[in-house]
Amino acid sequence: MSDLMLLSRAQMARIEPFFPRSRGLRRVDDRRVVSGIVYVIRHGLQWKDAPAGYGPHKTLYNRFVRWSRLGVFERIFAGLAAEGAPPERLMIDATHLKAHRTAASLAKKGLPPRCIGRTRGGLNSKLHAVCDGQGRPVAMLLTEGQMSDHKGAALLLPVLPPARELLGDRGYDSNRFRAALAQRGIAPCIPSTRSRKVPIPHDTTLYRQRHRVENMFARLKDWRRIHTRYDRCAHTFFSAICIAAAIIFWLPQ
């Protein structure tokens, strides 16, 4: 047990308020089970291959699926991200996450949607994210792989925290998006598309900071079950992303 990777007691103290209340029988040790879930997602294991020290793999899987359906992990991420002061600077971008054949084998009929689409890169999902000036995600959205960056940004716009400026690549250059940012008092730092007859100037020095959102995606993809999607249901896959984002960026050791 001493050789297992376990979340620290300080980390558990910050996320325990988001756990659902235990009803009936006393719940299996939260620290051990949540640490086991994190271990499986980070290393890209099948649930049956989780180290025995974390307990029965069925317990890990059942807890992960049940809490995913309840939105527990999404609330953990959103709650931790909202604890700090409003960021002065935001950065927006999107990345593709390859869907393994096991994730793409679910029937397409019915709801909820799987958030798996087809692009020239094959079957994949797309993660749209907004991070603060330090490269920490503050809002995320999972969609089908073929959804445009601009449409994803429009869906994220209502949940953007107040900020002074927003950095984005030229995929976010549109009059509608710029006007929406202006209504919220956010100055866009977005290069103009080549199709614009009159380019809109932007701060090139400030724009160099946009690499931090790319670094954020790279750190998320270090977790194997984020880099490649094995989960059929969108809510379980997005829960895995929320766990990774919370552990990496909002729960320092």
C-alpha atoms as a PDB file:
ATOM      1  CA  MET A   1       0.000   0.000   0.000  1.00  0.00           C
ATOM      2  CA  SER A   2       2.865   2.366   0.750  1.00  0.00           C
ATOM      3  CA  ASP A   3       4.113   2.004  -2.842  1.00  0.00           C
ATOM      4  CA  LEU A   4       0.810   3.144  -4.367  1.00  0.00           C
ATOM      5  CA  MET A   5       0.285   6.583  -5.844  1.00  0.00           C
ATOM      6  CA  LEU A   6      -2.219   8.255  -3.518  1.00  0.00           C
ATOM      7  CA  LEU A   7      -3.658  11.730  -3.536  1.00  0.00           C
ATOM      8  CA  SER A   8      -2.397  13.698  -0.563  1.00  0.00           C
ATOM      9  CA  ARG A   9      -4.725  14.448   2.331  1.00  0.00           C
ATOM     10  CA  ALA A  10      -4.552  18.142   1.428  1.00  0.00           C
ATOM     11  CA  GLN A  11      -5.700  17.354  -2.105  1.00  0.00           C
ATOM     12  CA  MET A  12      -8.538  15.201  -0.803  1.00  0.00           C
ATOM     13  CA  ALA A  13      -9.636  17.941   1.581  1.00  0.00           C
ATOM     14  CA  ARG A  14     -10.130  20.286  -1.386  1.00  0.00           C
ATOM     15  CA  ILE A  15     -12.215  17.902  -3.487  1.00  0.00           C
ATOM     16  CA  GLU A  16     -14.229  16.068  -0.791  1.00  0.00           C
ATOM     17  CA  PRO A  17     -16.871  18.847  -0.565  1.00  0.00           C
ATOM     18  CA  PHE A  18     -17.885  17.959  -4.136  1.00  0.00           C
ATOM     19  CA  PHE A  19     -18.458  14.260  -3.373  1.00  0.00           C
ATOM     20  CA  PRO A  20     -22.074  13.059  -3.067  1.00  0.00           C
ATOM     21  CA  ARG A  21     -23.236  12.071   0.384  1.00  0.00           C
ATOM     22  CA  SER A  22     -22.967   8.414   1.291  1.00  0.00           C
ATOM     23  CA  ARG A  23     -26.313   6.702   1.813  1.00  0.00           C
ATOM     24  CA  GLY A  24     -26.865   3.409   3.532  1.00  0.00           C
ATOM     25  CA  LEU A  25     -23.659   1.437   3.977  1.00  0.00           C
ATOM     26  CA  ARG A  26     -20.445   3.345   4.530  1.00  0.00           C
ATOM     27  CA  ARG A  27     -18.662   4.033   1.257  1.00  0.00           C
ATOM     28  CA  VAL A  28     -15.315   2.400   0.455  1.00  0.00           C
ATOM     29  CA  ASP A  29     -12.324   4.649   1.281  1.00  0.00           C
ATOM     30  CA  ASP A  30     -12.650   7.657  -1.037  1.00  0.00           C
ATOM     31  CA  ARG A  31      -8.945   8.424  -1.065  1.00  0.00           C
ATOM     32  CA  ARG A  32      -7.967   4.938  -2.212  1.00  0.00           C
ATOM     33  CA  VAL A  33     -10.705   4.661  -4.839  1.00  0.00           C
ATOM     34  CA  VAL A  34     -10.240   8.131  -6.357  1.00  0.00           C
ATOM     35  CA  SER A  35      -6.456   7.594  -6.423  1.00  0.00           C
ATOM     36  CA  GLY A  36      -7.042   4.305  -8.255  1.00  0.00           C
ATOM     37  CA  ILE A  37      -9.240   6.061 -10.818  1.00  0.00           C
ATOM     38  CA  VAL A  38      -6.545   8.678 -11.364  1.00  0.00           C
ATOM     39  CA  TYR A  39      -3.896   5.963 -11.758  1.00  0.00           C
ATOM     40  CA  VAL A  40      -5.898   4.104 -14.425  1.00  0.00           C
ATOM     41  CA  ILE A  41      -6.626   7.260 -16.441  1.00  0.00           C
ATOM     42  CA  ARG A  42      -3.058   8.548 -16.237  1.00  0.00           C
ATOM     43  CA  HIS A  43      -1.467   5.293 -17.361  1.00  0.00           C
ATOM     44  CA  GLY A  44      -4.097   4.280 -19.904  1.00  0.00           C
ATOM     45  CA  LEU A  45      -4.849   0.945 -18.270  1.00  0.00           C
ATOM     46  CA  GLN A  46      -7.866  -1.265 -18.568  1.00  0.00           C
ATOM     47  CA  TRP A  47      -9.777  -1.231 -15.315  1.00  0.00           C
ATOM     48  CA  LYS A  48      -8.977  -4.895 -14.675  1.00  0.00           C
ATOM     49  CA  ASP A  49      -5.246  -4.043 -14.774  1.00  0.00           C
ATOM     50  CA  ALA A  50      -5.408  -1.552 -11.890  1.00  0.00           C
ATOM     51  CA  PRO A  51      -2.979  -2.459  -9.062  1.00  0.00           C
ATOM     52  CA  ALA A  52      -4.625  -4.678  -6.463  1.00  0.00           C
ATOM     53  CA  GLY A  53      -3.731  -2.201  -3.710  1.00  0.00           C
ATOM     54  CA  TYR A  54      -6.503   0.114  -4.921  1.00  0.00           C
ATOM     55  CA  GLY A  55      -9.088  -2.563  -4.243  1.00  0.00           C
ATOM     56  CA  PRO A  56     -11.385  -4.472  -6.620  1.00  0.00           C
ATOM     57  CA  HIS A  57     -11.262  -3.037 -10.128  1.00  0.00           C
ATOM     58  CA  LYS A  58     -15.053  -3.251 -10.317  1.00  0.00           C
ATOM     59  CA  THR A  59     -15.261  -0.801  -7.424  1.00  0.00           C
ATOM     60  CA  LEU A  60     -13.034   1.667  -9.274  1.00  0.00           C
ATOM     61  CA  TYR A  61     -15.011   1.326 -12.488  1.00  0.00           C
ATOM     62  CA  ASN A  62     -18.432   1.514 -10.857  1.00  0.00           C
ATOM     63  CA  ARG A  63     -17.486   4.564  -8.808  1.00  0.00           C
ATOM     64  CA  PHE A  64     -16.060   6.307 -11.883  1.00  0.00           C
ATOM     65  CA  VAL A  65     -19.131   5.625 -14.041  1.00  0.00           C
ATOM     66  CA  ARG A  66     -21.638   6.461 -11.310  1.00  0.00           C
ATOM     67  CA  TRP A  67     -19.973   9.736 -10.378  1.00  0.00           C
ATOM     68  CA  SER A  68     -19.510  10.614 -14.049  1.00  0.00           C
ATOM     69  CA  ARG A  69     -23.252  10.315 -14.593  1.00  0.00           C
ATOM     70  CA  LEU A  70     -23.816  12.548 -11.575  1.00  0.00           C
ATOM     71  CA  GLY A  71     -21.370  15.152 -12.940  1.00  0.00           C
ATOM     72  CA  VAL A  72     -19.153  14.947  -9.839  1.00  0.00           C
ATOM     73  CA  PHE A  73     -15.846  15.278 -11.665  1.00  0.00           C
ATOM     74  CA  GLU A  74     -17.090  18.178 -13.761  1.00  0.00           C
ATOM     75  CA  ARG A  75     -18.136  19.991 -10.575  1.00  0.00           C
ATOM     76  CA  ILE A  76     -14.716  19.330  -9.032  1.00  0.00           C
ATOM     77  CA  PHE A  77     -12.970  20.927 -12.005  1.00  0.00           C
ATOM     78  CA  ALA A  78     -15.377  23.869 -12.232  1.00  0.00           C
ATOM     79  CA  GLY A  79     -15.266  24.471  -8.478  1.00  0.00           C
ATOM     80  CA  LEU A  80     -11.472  24.443  -8.251  1.00  0.00           C
ATOM     81  CA  ALA A  81     -11.090  26.628 -11.338  1.00  0.00           C
ATOM     82  CA  ALA A  82     -13.495  29.193  -9.874  1.00  0.00           C
ATOM     83  CA  GLU A  83     -11.698  29.467  -6.521  1.00  0.00           C
ATOM     84  CA  GLY A  84      -9.038  31.894  -7.706  1.00  0.00           C
ATOM     85  CA  ALA A  85      -9.374  35.540  -8.662  1.00  0.00           C
ATOM     86  CA  PRO A  86     -10.817  36.309 -12.121  1.00  0.00           C
ATOM     87  CA  PRO A  87      -8.013  36.086 -14.707  1.00  0.00           C
ATOM     88  CA  GLU A  88      -6.853  39.205 -16.489  1.00  0.00           C
ATOM     89  CA  ARG A  89      -5.995  37.252 -19.644  1.00  0.00           C
ATOM     90  CA  LEU A  90      -7.674  34.338 -21.393  1.00  0.00           C
ATOM     91  CA  MET A  91      -6.470  32.055 -24.178  1.00  0.00           C
ATOM     92  CA  ILE A  92      -8.653  29.841 -26.344  1.00  0.00           C
ATOM     93  CA  ASP A  93      -7.857  26.900 -28.590  1.00  0.00           C
ATOM     94  CA  ALA A  94      -9.002  23.395 -29.518  1.00  0.00           C
ATOM     95  CA  THR A  95      -7.339  20.030 -30.108  1.00  0.00           C
ATOM     96  CA  HIS A  96      -8.338  16.671 -31.575  1.00  0.00           C
ATOM     97  CA  LEU A  97      -8.361  13.526 -29.434  1.00  0.00           C
ATOM     98  CA  LYS A  98      -8.204  10.262 -31.366  1.00  0.00           C
ATOM     99  CA  ALA A  99     -11.049   7.826 -30.699  1.00  0.00           C
ATOM    100  CA  HIS A 100     -10.019   4.181 -30.402  1.00  0.00           C
ATOM    101  CA  ARG A 101     -12.194   1.646 -32.219  1.00  0.00           C
ATOM    102  CA  THR A 102     -13.593   0.473 -28.870  1.00  0.00           C
ATOM    103  CA  ALA A 103     -14.968   3.974 -28.265  1.00  0.00           C
ATOM    104  CA  ALA A 104     -16.407   4.290 -31.771  1.00  0.00           C
ATOM    105  CA  SER A 105     -18.252   0.955 -31.703  1.00  0.00           C
ATOM    106  CA  LEU A 106     -21.319   2.196 -29.828  1.00  0.00           C
ATOM    107  CA  ALA A 107     -24.512   2.443 -31.877  1.00  0.00           C
ATOM    108  CA  LYS A 108     -25.173   5.975 -33.105  1.00  0.00           C
ATOM    109  CA  LYS A 109     -28.926   5.910 -32.434  1.00  0.00           C
ATOM    110  CA  GLY A 110     -30.471   7.736 -29.501  1.00  0.00           C
ATOM    111  CA  LEU A 111     -29.229  10.228 -26.941  1.00  0.00           C
ATOM    112  CA  PRO A 112     -26.980  11.463 -25.477  1.00  0.00           C
ATOM    113  CA  PRO A 113     -24.533  12.061 -28.345  1.00  0.00           C
ATOM    114  CA  ARG A 114     -21.134  10.354 -28.259  1.00  0.00           C
ATOM    115  CA  CYS A 115     -19.193  13.449 -29.388  1.00  0.00           C
ATOM    116  CA  ILE A 116     -17.240  11.389 -31.914  1.00  0.00           C
ATOM    117  CA  GLY A 117     -16.919  12.652 -35.472  1.00  0.00           C
ATOM    118  CA  ARG A 118     -14.970  11.931 -38.615  1.00  0.00           C
ATOM    119  CA  THR A 119     -12.266  14.192 -40.012  1.00  0.00           C
ATOM    120  CA  ARG A 120      -9.374  13.591 -42.375  1.00  0.00           C
ATOM    121  CA  GLY A 121      -7.518  12.254 -39.339  1.00  0.00           C
ATOM    122  CA  GLY A 122     -10.139   9.555 -38.774  1.00  0.00           C
ATOM    123  CA  LEU A 123     -12.614   9.199 -35.929  1.00  0.00           C
ATOM    124  CA  ASN A 124     -11.957  11.636 -33.120  1.00  0.00           C
ATOM    125  CA  SER A 125     -13.388  14.029 -30.574  1.00  0.00           C
ATOM    126  CA  LYS A 126     -12.498  17.674 -30.163  1.00  0.00           C
ATOM    127  CA  LEU A 127     -11.675  19.427 -26.912  1.00  0.00           C
ATOM    128  CA  HIS A 128     -12.296  23.175 -26.867  1.00  0.00           C
ATOM    129  CA  ALA A 129     -10.689  24.928 -23.906  1.00  0.00           C
ATOM    130  CA  VAL A 130     -10.135  28.355 -22.418  1.00  0.00           C
ATOM    131  CA  CYS A 131      -7.205  28.864 -20.051  1.00  0.00           C
ATOM    132  CA  ASP A 132      -5.971  31.775 -17.969  1.00  0.00           C
ATOM    133  CA  GLY A 133      -2.716  33.664 -18.407  1.00  0.00           C
ATOM    134  CA  GLN A 134      -0.809  30.950 -16.543  1.00  0.00           C
ATOM    135  CA  GLY A 135      -2.037  28.224 -18.878  1.00  0.00           C
ATOM    136  CA  ARG A 136      -4.562  26.704 -16.447  1.00  0.00           C
ATOM    137  CA  PRO A 137      -7.899  25.630 -17.980  1.00  0.00           C
ATOM    138  CA  VAL A 138     -10.947  27.474 -16.700  1.00  0.00           C
ATOM    139  CA  ALA A 139     -13.600  26.201 -19.157  1.00  0.00           C
ATOM    140  CA  MET A 140     -13.746  23.151 -21.433  1.00  0.00           C
ATOM    141  CA  LEU A 141     -16.143  21.656 -23.959  1.00  0.00           C
ATOM    142  CA  LEU A 142     -16.133  18.267 -25.708  1.00  0.00           C
ATOM    143  CA  THR A 143     -17.622  18.027 -29.209  1.00  0.00           C
ATOM    144  CA  GLU A 144     -17.451  15.979 -32.384  1.00  0.00           C
ATOM    145  CA  GLY A 145     -14.136  16.196 -34.192  1.00  0.00           C
ATOM    146  CA  GLN A 146     -15.546  18.031 -37.211  1.00  0.00           C
ATOM    147  CA  MET A 147     -16.945  20.984 -35.236  1.00  0.00           C
ATOM    148  CA  SER A 148     -15.219  24.231 -36.170  1.00  0.00           C
ATOM    149  CA  ASP A 149     -13.157  26.187 -33.659  1.00  0.00           C
ATOM    150  CA  HIS A 150     -15.439  29.166 -34.167  1.00  0.00           C
ATOM    151  CA  LYS A 151     -18.618  27.255 -33.288  1.00  0.00           C
ATOM    152  CA  GLY A 152     -16.957  25.784 -30.216  1.00  0.00           C
ATOM    153  CA  ALA A 153     -15.926  29.270 -29.123  1.00  0.00           C
ATOM    154  CA  ALA A 154     -19.516  30.468 -29.480  1.00  0.00           C
ATOM    155  CA  LEU A 155     -20.669  27.679 -27.158  1.00  0.00           C
ATOM    156  CA  LEU A 156     -17.985  28.546 -24.596  1.00  0.00           C
ATOM    157  CA  LEU A 157     -18.662  32.274 -24.725  1.00  0.00           C
ATOM    158  CA  PRO A 158     -21.479  32.321 -22.109  1.00  0.00           C
ATOM    159  CA  VAL A 159     -19.237  30.705 -19.455  1.00  0.00           C
ATOM    160  CA  LEU A 160     -16.147  32.834 -20.020  1.00  0.00           C
ATOM    161  CA  PRO A 161     -14.973  34.530 -16.819  1.00  0.00           C
ATOM    162  CA  PRO A 162     -14.489  38.312 -16.927  1.00  0.00           C
ATOM    163  CA  ALA A 163     -11.092  39.246 -18.334  1.00  0.00           C
ATOM    164  CA  ARG A 164      -9.228  42.095 -19.967  1.00  0.00           C
ATOM    165  CA  GLU A 165      -8.122  40.310 -23.159  1.00  0.00           C
ATOM    166  CA  LEU A 166      -8.418  37.020 -25.022  1.00  0.00           C
ATOM    167  CA  LEU A 167      -5.786  35.418 -27.228  1.00  0.00           C
ATOM    168  CA  GLY A 168      -6.726  33.100 -30.079  1.00  0.00           C
ATOM    169  CA  ASP A 169      -5.406  31.989 -33.434  1.00  0.00           C
ATOM    170  CA  ARG A 170      -6.881  33.127 -36.731  1.00  0.00           C
ATOM    171  CA  GLY A 171      -9.455  30.308 -36.622  1.00  0.00           C
ATOM    172  CA  TYR A 172     -11.383  32.525 -34.188  1.00  0.00           C
ATOM    173  CA  ASP A 173     -11.311  35.620 -36.391  1.00  0.00           C
ATOM    174  CA  SER A 174     -14.870  36.638 -37.191  1.00  0.00           C
ATOM    175  CA  ASN A 175     -16.802  39.855 -36.792  1.00  0.00           C
ATOM    176  CA  ARG A 176     -19.471  38.095 -34.726  1.00  0.00           C
ATOM    177  CA  PHE A 177     -16.997  36.660 -32.216  1.00  0.00           C
ATOM    178  CA  ARG A 178     -15.108  39.940 -31.923  1.00  0.00           C
ATOM    179  CA  ALA A 179     -18.372  41.800 -31.315  1.00  0.00           C
ATOM    180  CA  ALA A 180     -19.433  39.279 -28.661  1.00  0.00           C
ATOM    181  CA  LEU A 181     -16.115  39.732 -26.854  1.00  0.00           C
ATOM    182  CA  ALA A 182     -16.459  43.516 -27.038  1.00  0.00           C
ATOM    183  CA  GLN A 183     -19.899  43.301 -25.408  1.00  0.00           C
ATOM    184  CA  ARG A 184     -18.267  41.510 -22.471  1.00  0.00           C
ATOM    185  CA  GLY A 185     -15.474  44.062 -22.233  1.00  0.00           C
ATOM    186  CA  ILE A 186     -12.807  41.634 -23.496  1.00  0.00           C
ATOM    187  CA  ALA A 187     -10.256  42.882 -26.014  1.00  0.00           C
ATOM    188  CA  PRO A 188      -9.452  40.257 -28.700  1.00  0.00           C
ATOM    189  CA  CYS A 189      -5.851  39.550 -29.657  1.00  0.00           C
ATOM    190  CA  ILE A 190      -6.551  37.486 -32.759  1.00  0.00           C
ATOM    191  CA  PRO A 191      -4.653  37.585 -36.080  1.00  0.00           C
ATOM    192  CA  SER A 192      -6.786  38.342 -39.115  1.00  0.00           C
ATOM    193  CA  THR A 193      -7.578  35.627 -41.619  1.00  0.00           C
ATOM    194  CA  ARG A 194      -5.959  35.925 -45.021  1.00  0.00           C
ATOM    195  CA  SER A 195      -9.388  36.460 -46.586  1.00  0.00           C
ATOM    196  CA  ARG A 196      -9.903  39.786 -44.812  1.00  0.00           C
ATOM    197  CA  LYS A 197      -9.574  42.663 -47.244  1.00  0.00           C
ATOM    198  CA  VAL A 198      -8.600  45.020 -44.423  1.00  0.00           C
ATOM    199  CA  PRO A 199      -6.599  43.139 -41.745  1.00  0.00           C
ATOM    200  CA  ILE A 200      -7.299  44.023 -38.127  1.00  0.00           C
ATOM    201  CA  PRO A 201      -4.070  44.744 -36.231  1.00  0.00           C
ATOM    202  CA  HIS A 202      -3.190  42.781 -33.100  1.00  0.00           C
ATOM    203  CA  ASP A 203      -0.454  42.895 -30.467  1.00  0.00           C
ATOM    204  CA  THR A 204       2.186  40.516 -31.843  1.00  0.00           C
ATOM    205  CA  THR A 205       4.229  40.613 -28.629  1.00  0.00           C
ATOM    206  CA  LEU A 206       1.229  39.640 -26.512  1.00  0.00           C
ATOM    207  CA  TYR A 207       0.229  36.967 -29.025  1.00  0.00           C
ATOM    208  CA  ARG A 208       3.450  35.060 -28.320  1.00  0.00           C
ATOM    209  CA  GLN A 209       2.003  34.094 -24.939  1.00  0.00           C
ATOM    210  CA  ARG A 210      -0.546  31.874 -26.697  1.00  0.00           C
ATOM    211  CA  HIS A 211       1.877  28.942 -26.536  1.00  0.00           C
ATOM    212  CA  ARG A 212       0.656  28.365 -22.973  1.00  0.00           C
ATOM    213  CA  VAL A 213      -2.671  26.985 -24.136  1.00  0.00           C
ATOM    214  CA  GLU A 214      -0.783  24.607 -26.436  1.00  0.00           C
ATOM    215  CA  ASN A 215       1.348  23.540 -23.475  1.00  0.00           C
ATOM    216  CA  MET A 216      -1.824  22.899 -21.501  1.00  0.00           C
ATOM    217  CA  PHE A 217      -3.117  20.497 -24.148  1.00  0.00           C
ATOM    218  CA  ALA A 218       0.254  18.735 -24.238  1.00  0.00           C
ATOM    219  CA  ARG A 219       0.168  18.143 -20.481  1.00  0.00           C
ATOM    220  CA  LEU A 220      -3.372  16.796 -20.658  1.00  0.00           C
ATOM    221  CA  LYS A 221      -2.379  14.394 -23.420  1.00  0.00           C
ATOM    222  CA  ASP A 222       0.398  12.995 -21.238  1.00  0.00           C
ATOM    223  CA  TRP A 223      -2.457  11.068 -19.586  1.00  0.00           C
ATOM    224  CA  ARG A 224      -2.924   8.067 -21.839  1.00  0.00           C
ATOM    225  CA  ARG A 225      -6.716   7.798 -21.563  1.00  0.00           C
ATOM    226  CA  ILE A 226      -6.937  11.468 -22.598  1.00  0.00           C
ATOM    227  CA  HIS A 227      -4.530  11.192 -25.530  1.00  0.00           C
ATOM    228  CA  THR A 228      -6.586   8.301 -26.924  1.00  0.00           C
ATOM    229  CA  ARG A 229     -10.277   7.986 -26.177  1.00  0.00           C
ATOM    230  CA  TYR A 230     -11.341   4.498 -25.051  1.00  0.00           C
ATOM    231  CA  ASP A 231     -14.604   5.517 -23.349  1.00  0.00           C
ATOM    232  CA  ARG A 232     -17.728   5.014 -25.408  1.00  0.00           C
ATOM    233  CA  CYS A 233     -19.865   7.499 -23.517  1.00  0.00           C
ATOM    234  CA  ALA A 234     -19.034  11.179 -23.803  1.00  0.00           C
ATOM    235  CA  HIS A 235     -19.751  11.902 -20.134  1.00  0.00           C
ATOM    236  CA  THR A 236     -17.183   9.356 -18.915  1.00  0.00           C
ATOM    237  CA  PHE A 237     -14.516  10.619 -21.304  1.00  0.00           C
ATOM    238  CA  PHE A 238     -15.145  14.238 -20.361  1.00  0.00           C
ATOM    239  CA  SER A 239     -15.025  13.249 -16.688  1.00  0.00           C
ATOM    240  CA  ALA A 240     -11.563  11.777 -17.294  1.00  0.00           C
ATOM    241  CA  ILE A 241     -10.483  15.074 -18.860  1.00  0.00           C
ATOM    242  CA  CYS A 242     -11.852  16.994 -15.869  1.00  0.00           C
ATOM    243  CA  ILE A 243      -9.967  14.729 -13.442  1.00  0.00           C
ATOM    244  CA  ALA A 244      -6.723  15.242 -15.334  1.00  0.00           C
ATOM    245  CA  ALA A 245      -7.187  19.016 -15.527  1.00  0.00           C
ATOM    246  CA  ALA A 246      -7.984  19.256 -11.816  1.00  0.00           C
ATOM    247  CA  ILE A 247      -5.000  17.139 -10.735  1.00  0.00           C
ATOM    248  CA  ILE A 248      -2.459  18.736 -13.075  1.00  0.00           C
ATOM    249  CA  PHE A 249      -3.401  22.398 -12.779  1.00  0.00           C
ATOM    250  CA  TRP A 250      -5.571  22.985  -9.704  1.00  0.00           C
ATOM    251  CA  LEU A 251      -4.368  20.473  -7.089  1.00  0.00           C
ATOM    252  CA  PRO A 252      -0.671  21.104  -6.518  1.00  0.00           C
ATOM    253  CA  GLN A 253       1.191  18.460  -4.543  1.00  0.00           C
END
